[in-house]
Amino acid sequence: MDYNNTPPGYPPQPGQAAQVISVKDWMITLLLLAIPLVNIIMLFVWAFSGGTNRSKSNYAKAALIWAAIWIVVYIIFFALFGAAMWTNMQHMQNMSY
């Protein structure tokens, strides 16, 4: 299989294998994902830009989906915890009188 027929940034033609992402490219990707705020921006760029390798695009989409799931879980957790704390504070306030 020849992975170098397609120019970088372009999807492969039908019947042609996708370009393999090198270890160096993955190292740069992981370095960018370790930088706060840059990581979120780059995930959106890689997930929704047309010139990104399909593997990196799928990884970025999966990472954004997991981030959304965890944000929802955190919101639910803090809402329940906040409601419990509010109820406890009200109960303590009523008992002091």
C-alpha atoms as a PDB file:
ATOM      1  CA  MET A   1       0.000   0.000   0.000  1.00  0.00           C
ATOM      2  CA  ASP A   2       1.293   3.403  -0.903  1.00  0.00           C
ATOM      3  CA  TYR A   3       0.227   6.024   1.633  1.00  0.00           C
ATOM      4  CA  ASN A   4       1.944   8.935  -0.082  1.00  0.00           C
ATOM      5  CA  ASN A   5      -0.226   9.378  -3.206  1.00  0.00           C
ATOM      6  CA  THR A   6      -2.549  11.897  -1.536  1.00  0.00           C
ATOM      7  CA  PRO A   7      -1.223  15.350  -0.637  1.00  0.00           C
ATOM      8  CA  PRO A   8      -1.305  16.116   3.117  1.00  0.00           C
ATOM      9  CA  GLY A   9      -4.574  17.607   4.291  1.00  0.00           C
ATOM     10  CA  TYR A  10      -6.691  16.115   1.511  1.00  0.00           C
ATOM     11  CA  PRO A  11      -8.960  13.097   1.899  1.00  0.00           C
ATOM     12  CA  PRO A  12      -7.917   9.993  -0.012  1.00  0.00           C
ATOM     13  CA  GLN A  13      -9.593   9.166  -3.289  1.00  0.00           C
ATOM     14  CA  PRO A  14     -12.036   6.223  -3.399  1.00  0.00           C
ATOM     15  CA  GLY A  15     -10.118   2.970  -3.248  1.00  0.00           C
ATOM     16  CA  GLN A  16      -7.065   4.675  -1.755  1.00  0.00           C
ATOM     17  CA  ALA A  17      -5.875   4.139   1.834  1.00  0.00           C
ATOM     18  CA  ALA A  18      -5.866   7.050   4.275  1.00  0.00           C
ATOM     19  CA  GLN A  19      -2.537   8.635   5.176  1.00  0.00           C
ATOM     20  CA  VAL A  20      -1.002   7.282   8.381  1.00  0.00           C
ATOM     21  CA  ILE A  21      -0.314   9.840  11.112  1.00  0.00           C
ATOM     22  CA  SER A  22       3.279   9.599  12.285  1.00  0.00           C
ATOM     23  CA  VAL A  23       4.425   9.300  15.882  1.00  0.00           C
ATOM     24  CA  LYS A  24       5.890  12.816  15.638  1.00  0.00           C
ATOM     25  CA  ASP A  25       2.496  14.211  14.583  1.00  0.00           C
ATOM     26  CA  TRP A  26       0.778  12.421  17.476  1.00  0.00           C
ATOM     27  CA  MET A  27       3.402  13.790  19.889  1.00  0.00           C
ATOM     28  CA  ILE A  28       2.675  17.332  18.665  1.00  0.00           C
ATOM     29  CA  THR A  29      -1.060  16.661  18.914  1.00  0.00           C
ATOM     30  CA  LEU A  30      -0.761  15.467  22.520  1.00  0.00           C
ATOM     31  CA  LEU A  31       1.467  18.444  23.387  1.00  0.00           C
ATOM     32  CA  LEU A  32      -1.174  20.858  22.047  1.00  0.00           C
ATOM     33  CA  LEU A  33      -3.890  19.020  23.965  1.00  0.00           C
ATOM     34  CA  ALA A  34      -1.923  19.511  27.196  1.00  0.00           C
ATOM     35  CA  ILE A  35      -2.147  23.321  26.933  1.00  0.00           C
ATOM     36  CA  PRO A  36      -5.280  24.723  28.611  1.00  0.00           C
ATOM     37  CA  LEU A  37      -7.732  26.578  26.348  1.00  0.00           C
ATOM     38  CA  VAL A  38      -5.607  25.748  23.284  1.00  0.00           C
ATOM     39  CA  ASN A  39      -6.750  22.137  23.647  1.00  0.00           C
ATOM     40  CA  ILE A  40     -10.442  23.004  23.326  1.00  0.00           C
ATOM     41  CA  ILE A  41      -9.865  25.278  20.352  1.00  0.00           C
ATOM     42  CA  MET A  42      -7.718  22.686  18.570  1.00  0.00           C
ATOM     43  CA  LEU A  43     -10.243  19.905  19.220  1.00  0.00           C
ATOM     44  CA  PHE A  44     -12.911  21.974  17.478  1.00  0.00           C
ATOM     45  CA  VAL A  45     -10.545  22.800  14.613  1.00  0.00           C
ATOM     46  CA  TRP A  46      -9.524  19.177  14.123  1.00  0.00           C
ATOM     47  CA  ALA A  47     -13.076  17.863  14.536  1.00  0.00           C
ATOM     48  CA  PHE A  48     -14.778  20.162  12.048  1.00  0.00           C
ATOM     49  CA  SER A  49     -12.189  21.344   9.521  1.00  0.00           C
ATOM     50  CA  GLY A  50     -12.144  19.621   6.173  1.00  0.00           C
ATOM     51  CA  GLY A  51      -8.393  19.206   5.772  1.00  0.00           C
ATOM     52  CA  THR A  52      -7.719  17.182   8.927  1.00  0.00           C
ATOM     53  CA  ASN A  53      -6.756  13.516   8.720  1.00  0.00           C
ATOM     54  CA  ARG A  54      -9.781  11.299   9.323  1.00  0.00           C
ATOM     55  CA  SER A  55      -8.177   9.544  12.321  1.00  0.00           C
ATOM     56  CA  LYS A  56      -7.367  12.822  14.060  1.00  0.00           C
ATOM     57  CA  SER A  57     -10.821  14.199  13.216  1.00  0.00           C
ATOM     58  CA  ASN A  58     -12.540  11.149  14.707  1.00  0.00           C
ATOM     59  CA  TYR A  59     -10.343  11.371  17.812  1.00  0.00           C
ATOM     60  CA  ALA A  60     -11.226  15.053  18.263  1.00  0.00           C
ATOM     61  CA  LYS A  61     -14.958  14.352  17.859  1.00  0.00           C
ATOM     62  CA  ALA A  62     -14.797  11.531  20.406  1.00  0.00           C
ATOM     63  CA  ALA A  63     -12.884  13.734  22.863  1.00  0.00           C
ATOM     64  CA  LEU A  64     -15.478  16.512  22.490  1.00  0.00           C
ATOM     65  CA  ILE A  65     -18.332  14.053  23.054  1.00  0.00           C
ATOM     66  CA  TRP A  66     -16.655  12.743  26.233  1.00  0.00           C
ATOM     67  CA  ALA A  67     -16.062  16.312  27.408  1.00  0.00           C
ATOM     68  CA  ALA A  68     -19.753  17.122  26.888  1.00  0.00           C
ATOM     69  CA  ILE A  69     -20.808  13.995  28.787  1.00  0.00           C
ATOM     70  CA  TRP A  70     -18.567  14.880  31.742  1.00  0.00           C
ATOM     71  CA  ILE A  71     -19.785  18.470  31.793  1.00  0.00           C
ATOM     72  CA  VAL A  72     -23.386  17.226  32.048  1.00  0.00           C
ATOM     73  CA  VAL A  73     -22.413  14.779  34.826  1.00  0.00           C
ATOM     74  CA  TYR A  74     -20.660  17.578  36.759  1.00  0.00           C
ATOM     75  CA  ILE A  75     -23.653  19.903  36.387  1.00  0.00           C
ATOM     76  CA  ILE A  76     -26.007  17.209  37.682  1.00  0.00           C
ATOM     77  CA  PHE A  77     -23.664  16.376  40.571  1.00  0.00           C
ATOM     78  CA  PHE A  78     -23.217  19.986  41.663  1.00  0.00           C
ATOM     79  CA  ALA A  79     -26.950  20.704  41.306  1.00  0.00           C
ATOM     80  CA  LEU A  80     -27.780  17.765  43.576  1.00  0.00           C
ATOM     81  CA  PHE A  81     -24.986  18.632  46.009  1.00  0.00           C
ATOM     82  CA  GLY A  82     -26.017  22.302  46.024  1.00  0.00           C
ATOM     83  CA  ALA A  83     -29.655  21.397  46.645  1.00  0.00           C
ATOM     84  CA  ALA A  84     -28.667  19.135  49.542  1.00  0.00           C
ATOM     85  CA  MET A  85     -26.475  21.849  51.044  1.00  0.00           C
ATOM     86  CA  TRP A  86     -29.245  24.452  50.628  1.00  0.00           C
ATOM     87  CA  THR A  87     -31.750  22.172  52.339  1.00  0.00           C
ATOM     88  CA  ASN A  88     -29.314  21.472  55.159  1.00  0.00           C
ATOM     89  CA  MET A  89     -28.602  25.197  55.638  1.00  0.00           C
ATOM     90  CA  GLN A  90     -32.336  25.956  55.766  1.00  0.00           C
ATOM     91  CA  HIS A  91     -32.889  23.170  58.269  1.00  0.00           C
ATOM     92  CA  MET A  92     -30.043  24.430  60.481  1.00  0.00           C
ATOM     93  CA  GLN A  93     -31.360  27.974  60.292  1.00  0.00           C
ATOM     94  CA  ASN A  94     -34.851  26.877  61.350  1.00  0.00           C
ATOM     95  CA  MET A  95     -33.471  24.914  64.292  1.00  0.00           C
ATOM     96  CA  SER A  96     -31.517  27.860  65.709  1.00  0.00           C
ATOM     97  CA  TYR A  97     -34.636  29.924  66.435  1.00  0.00           C
END
